[in-house]
N, C-alpha and C. Protein backbone atom coordinates (compact mmCIF):
# COMPACT_ATOMS: atom_id res chain seq x y z
N GLN A 1 0.04 -2.53 9.01
CA GLN A 1 -1.35 -2.12 8.84
C GLN A 1 -1.46 -0.61 8.72
N THR A 2 -0.67 0.10 9.53
CA THR A 2 -0.72 1.56 9.50
C THR A 2 -0.34 2.08 8.12
N CYS A 3 0.69 1.50 7.53
CA CYS A 3 1.14 1.97 6.21
C CYS A 3 0.08 1.71 5.15
N ILE A 4 -0.56 0.56 5.21
CA ILE A 4 -1.62 0.26 4.24
C ILE A 4 -2.77 1.25 4.42
N SER A 5 -3.17 1.46 5.66
CA SER A 5 -4.27 2.39 5.95
C SER A 5 -3.94 3.80 5.47
N ASN A 6 -2.70 4.23 5.74
CA ASN A 6 -2.28 5.56 5.31
C ASN A 6 -2.35 5.68 3.79
N MET A 7 -1.87 4.66 3.09
CA MET A 7 -1.86 4.72 1.63
C MET A 7 -3.27 4.64 1.05
N LEU A 8 -4.17 3.94 1.71
CA LEU A 8 -5.56 3.91 1.23
C LEU A 8 -6.16 5.31 1.31
N ALA A 9 -5.86 6.03 2.38
CA ALA A 9 -6.35 7.41 2.52
C ALA A 9 -5.72 8.32 1.47
N ILE A 10 -4.43 8.16 1.26
CA ILE A 10 -3.73 8.98 0.27
C ILE A 10 -4.25 8.69 -1.14
N ALA A 11 -4.54 7.42 -1.40
CA ALA A 11 -5.03 7.04 -2.73
C ALA A 11 -6.33 7.75 -3.06
N GLN A 12 -7.16 7.95 -2.06
CA GLN A 12 -8.42 8.64 -2.29
C GLN A 12 -8.19 10.12 -2.62
N SER A 13 -7.28 10.75 -1.89
CA SER A 13 -7.06 12.18 -2.11
C SER A 13 -6.09 12.46 -3.26
N ALA A 14 -4.95 11.80 -3.26
CA ALA A 14 -3.92 12.12 -4.25
C ALA A 14 -4.13 11.44 -5.60
N PHE A 15 -4.67 10.22 -5.59
CA PHE A 15 -4.82 9.48 -6.84
C PHE A 15 -6.21 9.62 -7.42
N GLY A 16 -7.14 10.17 -6.64
CA GLY A 16 -8.51 10.32 -7.11
C GLY A 16 -9.30 9.02 -7.11
N CYS A 17 -8.87 8.05 -6.33
CA CYS A 17 -9.57 6.76 -6.25
C CYS A 17 -10.77 6.89 -5.32
N ALA A 18 -11.84 6.21 -5.67
CA ALA A 18 -13.00 6.16 -4.79
C ALA A 18 -12.71 5.23 -3.63
N SER A 19 -13.37 5.45 -2.52
CA SER A 19 -13.21 4.58 -1.36
C SER A 19 -13.56 3.15 -1.74
N GLY A 20 -12.65 2.23 -1.47
CA GLY A 20 -12.88 0.82 -1.77
C GLY A 20 -12.55 0.41 -3.19
N ASP A 21 -12.05 1.34 -4.02
CA ASP A 21 -11.71 1.02 -5.41
C ASP A 21 -10.30 0.44 -5.47
N VAL A 22 -10.20 -0.83 -5.13
CA VAL A 22 -8.90 -1.49 -5.02
C VAL A 22 -8.17 -1.52 -6.35
N VAL A 23 -8.89 -1.69 -7.44
CA VAL A 23 -8.24 -1.70 -8.75
C VAL A 23 -7.54 -0.36 -9.00
N CYS A 24 -8.18 0.72 -8.63
CA CYS A 24 -7.57 2.04 -8.78
C CYS A 24 -6.29 2.15 -7.94
N TYR A 25 -6.38 1.73 -6.67
CA TYR A 25 -5.20 1.81 -5.79
C TYR A 25 -4.06 0.98 -6.35
N CYS A 26 -4.38 -0.27 -6.62
CA CYS A 26 -3.34 -1.25 -6.92
C CYS A 26 -2.75 -1.12 -8.31
N THR A 27 -3.42 -0.41 -9.20
CA THR A 27 -2.84 -0.20 -10.53
C THR A 27 -2.03 1.09 -10.58
N ASN A 28 -1.99 1.83 -9.50
CA ASN A 28 -1.17 3.03 -9.42
C ASN A 28 0.13 2.65 -8.73
N GLN A 29 1.25 2.70 -9.46
CA GLN A 29 2.51 2.26 -8.89
C GLN A 29 2.91 3.05 -7.65
N ASP A 30 2.44 4.28 -7.53
CA ASP A 30 2.78 5.08 -6.35
C ASP A 30 2.17 4.51 -5.07
N PHE A 31 1.09 3.74 -5.18
CA PHE A 31 0.52 3.07 -4.01
C PHE A 31 1.55 2.10 -3.43
N GLY A 32 2.13 1.28 -4.29
CA GLY A 32 3.15 0.33 -3.85
C GLY A 32 4.39 1.03 -3.32
N TYR A 33 4.80 2.09 -3.99
CA TYR A 33 5.96 2.84 -3.52
C TYR A 33 5.69 3.45 -2.15
N GLY A 34 4.48 3.95 -1.95
CA GLY A 34 4.12 4.55 -0.67
C GLY A 34 4.14 3.54 0.46
N VAL A 35 3.60 2.35 0.20
CA VAL A 35 3.63 1.29 1.21
C VAL A 35 5.08 0.95 1.54
N ARG A 36 5.90 0.79 0.51
CA ARG A 36 7.31 0.46 0.72
C ARG A 36 8.02 1.53 1.53
N ASP A 37 7.87 2.78 1.12
CA ASP A 37 8.57 3.87 1.81
C ASP A 37 8.12 4.01 3.25
N CYS A 38 6.82 3.91 3.48
CA CYS A 38 6.28 3.99 4.84
C CYS A 38 6.84 2.86 5.69
N ALA A 39 6.83 1.65 5.15
CA ALA A 39 7.30 0.49 5.91
C ALA A 39 8.77 0.63 6.26
N GLN A 40 9.56 1.10 5.32
CA GLN A 40 10.99 1.25 5.58
C GLN A 40 11.27 2.29 6.65
N GLU A 41 10.44 3.33 6.72
CA GLU A 41 10.63 4.37 7.73
C GLU A 41 10.04 3.98 9.08
N ALA A 42 8.89 3.30 9.07
CA ALA A 42 8.16 3.05 10.31
C ALA A 42 8.59 1.79 11.04
N CYS A 43 9.10 0.82 10.30
CA CYS A 43 9.43 -0.46 10.92
C CYS A 43 10.83 -0.43 11.52
N GLY A 44 10.99 -1.22 12.58
CA GLY A 44 12.26 -1.25 13.29
C GLY A 44 13.35 -2.05 12.60
N SER A 45 12.97 -2.92 11.68
CA SER A 45 13.97 -3.74 11.00
C SER A 45 13.55 -3.97 9.55
N ALA A 46 14.52 -4.38 8.76
CA ALA A 46 14.24 -4.67 7.35
C ALA A 46 13.26 -5.84 7.25
N GLU A 47 13.36 -6.79 8.17
CA GLU A 47 12.46 -7.95 8.16
C GLU A 47 11.01 -7.51 8.36
N GLU A 48 10.78 -6.62 9.32
CA GLU A 48 9.43 -6.10 9.55
C GLU A 48 8.93 -5.33 8.33
N ALA A 49 9.79 -4.51 7.76
CA ALA A 49 9.41 -3.73 6.58
C ALA A 49 9.03 -4.66 5.43
N ASN A 50 9.81 -5.71 5.23
CA ASN A 50 9.52 -6.65 4.15
C ASN A 50 8.19 -7.37 4.37
N THR A 51 7.83 -7.62 5.63
CA THR A 51 6.54 -8.24 5.94
C THR A 51 5.41 -7.32 5.50
N VAL A 52 5.54 -6.03 5.79
CA VAL A 52 4.50 -5.06 5.40
C VAL A 52 4.43 -4.95 3.88
N ILE A 53 5.57 -4.87 3.24
CA ILE A 53 5.61 -4.75 1.78
C ILE A 53 4.98 -5.98 1.14
N SER A 54 5.30 -7.15 1.66
CA SER A 54 4.71 -8.39 1.14
C SER A 54 3.21 -8.41 1.32
N TYR A 55 2.75 -7.92 2.46
CA TYR A 55 1.31 -7.86 2.71
C TYR A 55 0.64 -6.98 1.64
N GLY A 56 1.21 -5.82 1.39
CA GLY A 56 0.65 -4.92 0.38
C GLY A 56 0.65 -5.54 -1.00
N THR A 57 1.74 -6.21 -1.35
CA THR A 57 1.84 -6.87 -2.65
C THR A 57 0.79 -7.97 -2.78
N ASN A 58 0.66 -8.78 -1.73
CA ASN A 58 -0.31 -9.87 -1.75
C ASN A 58 -1.74 -9.34 -1.76
N TYR A 59 -1.99 -8.26 -1.04
CA TYR A 59 -3.31 -7.63 -1.01
C TYR A 59 -3.73 -7.27 -2.43
N CYS A 60 -2.84 -6.61 -3.14
CA CYS A 60 -3.17 -6.20 -4.51
C CYS A 60 -3.27 -7.41 -5.44
N ALA A 61 -2.38 -8.37 -5.28
CA ALA A 61 -2.41 -9.55 -6.15
C ALA A 61 -3.74 -10.29 -6.00
N CYS A 62 -4.21 -10.43 -4.77
CA CYS A 62 -5.49 -11.12 -4.53
C CYS A 62 -6.66 -10.34 -5.11
N GLU A 63 -6.63 -9.04 -4.93
CA GLU A 63 -7.75 -8.21 -5.38
C GLU A 63 -7.80 -8.08 -6.90
N LEU A 64 -6.65 -8.15 -7.55
CA LEU A 64 -6.60 -7.97 -9.00
C LEU A 64 -6.73 -9.28 -9.77
N SER A 65 -6.68 -10.40 -9.06
CA SER A 65 -6.75 -11.69 -9.76
C SER A 65 -8.18 -12.11 -10.06
């Protein structure tokens, strides 16, 4: 959750996305990379990191469908 929240904040400042503009976040590949990188650094195991990455992927898939 922390990684997703961090990337939502970064998306607003670095990507120029409006608050709540999920299409803007999720169509920027750096959003996904940021979630991945954060998860790999913050999580204690690869399994935990993969759970976070999957959450981010599913979040965008649901919002963009």
